[in-house]
Amino acid sequence: MAHSLGINTLGLDYRFDNTVEKKSPEKNIIYRLSTKPSEATEFLYLVVSEKLGQFSPANTDILVVKDFKMLRNNLKSRIKKGLGLEVTMDEVRRTNGHEIGWWVSHVKDLYKFSKSTNCQFILSSGANSLFEVVSGRSFDAILKIIGIVPEQYWQDLQEWIETRFQNKVFLYPK
């Protein structure tokens, strides 16, 4: 049902016995929505766009960059300060060494571009299941290859997420 509504999760809270804790919906989960809800919600969310043609700077928190050529051609004039520019690692897992080098080069360019435009660079595993999740150490190693200090990246990302939620209205259950 979540897939048909365009909802994905950014994070879950697991206990040591690997069961999901039963908490109110506003805690520990950030939903990825394809459109902004028409009313205030009881859950935290970010609006994510994967298509430049459907991208609305006023109503989007994250733009997923799949085509690196769109950076130079269309993106610079359409982005706003504070937008999240996300690149995923899911497709690069099934490539050869040359394509991985090409991807790393373009991700470095995206990182520089995001810094120059005051946008938040977001590197994501692109995982669709628990089996595709990238380990923390591997993630930090990839950040270092790109030229990003992992501790600074995580701190900047946390601050950016908190800033995004300052402008949204949420209903908190009693």
Protein backbone atom coordinates (compact mmCIF):
# COMPACT_ATOMS: atom_id res chain seq x y z
CA MET A 1 0.00 0.00 0.00
CA ALA A 2 2.83 2.42 0.81
CA HIS A 3 4.29 1.89 -2.66
CA SER A 4 0.98 2.73 -4.35
CA LEU A 5 0.82 5.97 -2.34
CA GLY A 6 4.39 6.87 -3.31
CA ILE A 7 5.72 6.53 0.25
CA ASN A 8 9.18 5.23 1.11
CA THR A 9 11.01 5.46 4.42
CA LEU A 10 14.35 7.06 5.17
CA GLY A 11 14.91 5.26 8.45
CA LEU A 12 13.51 2.87 10.99
CA ASP A 13 14.29 2.33 14.65
CA TYR A 14 15.29 -1.27 15.43
CA ARG A 15 15.82 -2.84 18.80
CA PHE A 16 18.63 -5.30 19.42
CA ASP A 17 16.29 -8.23 18.73
CA ASN A 18 15.68 -6.77 15.20
CA THR A 19 12.01 -6.03 15.72
CA VAL A 20 10.60 -2.64 14.92
CA GLU A 21 9.72 -0.67 18.02
CA LYS A 22 6.10 0.39 18.26
CA LYS A 23 6.26 4.15 18.58
CA SER A 24 4.06 6.99 17.43
CA PRO A 25 4.45 7.73 13.71
CA GLU A 26 6.29 11.02 14.14
CA LYS A 27 9.35 9.45 15.76
CA ASN A 28 12.30 7.75 14.07
CA ILE A 29 10.79 7.57 10.58
CA ILE A 30 11.01 10.09 7.77
CA TYR A 31 8.78 9.32 4.82
CA ARG A 32 9.69 10.09 1.23
CA LEU A 33 6.61 11.40 -0.58
CA SER A 34 6.25 12.18 -4.27
CA THR A 35 3.87 15.09 -3.60
CA LYS A 36 3.26 17.44 -0.70
CA PRO A 37 0.27 16.41 1.44
CA SER A 38 -2.73 18.72 1.19
CA GLU A 39 -3.12 18.77 4.98
CA ALA A 40 -0.86 18.65 8.02
CA THR A 41 0.34 15.13 8.79
CA GLU A 42 1.22 13.13 11.90
CA PHE A 43 4.49 11.97 10.35
CA LEU A 44 7.72 13.60 9.22
CA TYR A 45 8.20 13.68 5.46
CA LEU A 46 10.34 15.04 2.67
CA VAL A 47 9.01 15.56 -0.85
CA VAL A 48 11.25 13.80 -3.39
CA SER A 49 11.22 14.30 -7.15
CA GLU A 50 12.95 11.88 -9.49
CA LYS A 51 12.04 13.64 -12.75
CA LEU A 52 13.28 17.05 -13.77
CA GLY A 53 10.13 17.64 -15.84
CA GLN A 54 7.91 17.19 -12.77
CA PHE A 55 10.27 19.05 -10.46
CA SER A 56 8.78 22.05 -8.64
CA PRO A 57 11.42 23.99 -6.66
CA ALA A 58 8.80 25.43 -4.30
CA ASN A 59 7.34 22.04 -3.31
CA THR A 60 10.38 19.73 -3.44
CA ASP A 61 12.88 18.94 -0.70
CA ILE A 62 15.05 16.47 -2.64
CA LEU A 63 15.80 16.09 -6.33
CA VAL A 64 17.22 12.69 -7.27
CA VAL A 65 19.95 13.16 -9.88
CA LYS A 66 20.07 10.18 -12.22
CA ASP A 67 21.16 11.98 -15.39
CA PHE A 68 24.35 13.89 -14.62
CA LYS A 69 24.07 15.84 -17.90
CA MET A 70 21.01 17.64 -16.55
CA LEU A 71 23.31 19.48 -14.12
CA ARG A 72 24.91 21.53 -16.83
CA ASN A 73 21.87 21.84 -19.07
CA ASN A 74 18.77 22.43 -16.97
CA LEU A 75 19.33 22.30 -13.25
CA LYS A 76 21.28 25.42 -12.30
CA SER A 77 18.52 27.82 -13.35
CA ARG A 78 15.79 25.78 -11.63
CA ILE A 79 17.19 25.00 -8.19
CA LYS A 80 16.78 26.98 -5.00
CA LYS A 81 19.06 27.34 -2.02
CA GLY A 82 18.61 24.52 0.47
CA LEU A 83 17.40 21.89 -2.01
CA GLY A 84 18.74 18.38 -1.46
CA LEU A 85 20.50 16.87 -4.48
CA GLU A 86 20.51 13.10 -4.07
CA VAL A 87 22.53 10.50 -5.94
CA THR A 88 22.02 6.79 -5.34
CA MET A 89 24.45 3.89 -5.45
CA ASP A 90 21.97 1.22 -6.55
CA GLU A 91 22.80 1.18 -10.26
CA VAL A 92 26.58 1.44 -9.83
CA ARG A 93 26.64 -1.93 -8.03
CA ARG A 94 25.95 -3.74 -11.30
CA THR A 95 28.62 -2.01 -13.41
CA ASN A 96 32.22 -2.53 -14.44
CA GLY A 97 35.31 -0.61 -13.27
CA HIS A 98 35.16 1.97 -16.08
CA GLU A 99 31.53 2.84 -15.32
CA ILE A 100 32.28 3.06 -11.59
CA GLY A 101 35.09 5.53 -12.33
CA TRP A 102 32.71 7.57 -14.52
CA TRP A 103 30.11 7.55 -11.71
CA VAL A 104 32.64 8.66 -9.07
CA SER A 105 33.80 11.51 -11.32
CA HIS A 106 30.25 12.72 -11.85
CA VAL A 107 29.35 12.39 -8.17
CA LYS A 108 32.37 14.55 -7.33
CA ASP A 109 31.06 17.15 -9.81
CA LEU A 110 27.60 16.97 -8.23
CA TYR A 111 29.13 17.50 -4.77
CA LYS A 112 31.03 20.57 -5.99
CA PHE A 113 27.90 21.84 -7.74
CA SER A 114 25.79 21.40 -4.59
CA LYS A 115 28.34 23.32 -2.51
CA SER A 116 28.50 26.16 -5.07
CA THR A 117 24.70 26.51 -5.13
CA ASN A 118 24.12 26.13 -1.35
CA CYS A 119 22.29 22.85 -1.81
CA GLN A 120 22.62 19.73 0.32
CA PHE A 121 24.48 16.84 -1.31
CA ILE A 122 22.84 13.53 -0.38
CA LEU A 123 24.46 10.17 -1.09
CA SER A 124 22.00 7.30 -0.75
CA SER A 125 22.27 3.55 -1.08
CA GLY A 126 19.07 3.48 -3.13
CA ALA A 127 18.23 0.28 -1.28
CA ASN A 128 14.86 -1.31 -1.90
CA SER A 129 15.38 -4.03 0.70
CA LEU A 130 17.50 -4.69 3.77
CA PHE A 131 19.80 -6.82 1.62
CA GLU A 132 20.78 -3.79 -0.49
CA VAL A 133 21.69 -1.52 2.42
CA VAL A 134 25.29 -0.29 2.38
CA SER A 135 27.20 -0.71 5.64
CA GLY A 136 28.31 2.37 7.56
CA ARG A 137 32.01 1.67 6.99
CA SER A 138 31.49 1.18 3.25
CA PHE A 139 29.40 4.33 3.08
CA ASP A 140 32.10 6.35 4.82
CA ALA A 141 34.76 4.86 2.52
CA ILE A 142 32.76 5.95 -0.54
CA LEU A 143 32.38 9.44 0.92
CA LYS A 144 36.16 9.61 1.36
CA ILE A 145 36.73 8.50 -2.25
CA ILE A 146 34.46 11.34 -3.37
CA GLY A 147 36.50 13.74 -1.23
CA ILE A 148 34.02 14.27 1.60
CA VAL A 149 34.89 14.06 5.28
CA PRO A 150 32.27 11.58 6.61
CA GLU A 151 31.82 13.24 10.01
CA GLN A 152 31.18 16.62 8.37
CA TYR A 153 28.81 15.05 5.82
CA TRP A 154 26.64 13.44 8.52
CA GLN A 155 26.60 16.63 10.60
CA ASP A 156 25.64 18.76 7.58
CA LEU A 157 22.92 16.27 6.60
CA GLN A 158 21.45 16.26 10.11
CA GLU A 159 21.37 20.06 10.21
CA TRP A 160 19.79 20.19 6.75
CA ILE A 161 17.04 17.72 7.74
CA GLU A 162 16.26 19.73 10.88
CA THR A 163 16.06 22.91 8.80
CA ARG A 164 13.64 21.27 6.33
CA PHE A 165 11.28 20.35 9.16
CA GLN A 166 11.22 23.88 10.60
CA ASN A 167 9.02 25.04 7.71
CA LYS A 168 6.51 22.18 7.79
CA VAL A 169 3.38 21.84 9.90
CA PHE A 170 2.84 18.50 11.63
CA LEU A 171 0.00 17.22 13.79
CA TYR A 172 1.19 15.44 16.88
CA PRO A 173 -1.10 12.76 18.32
CA LYS A 174 -2.23 13.10 21.92
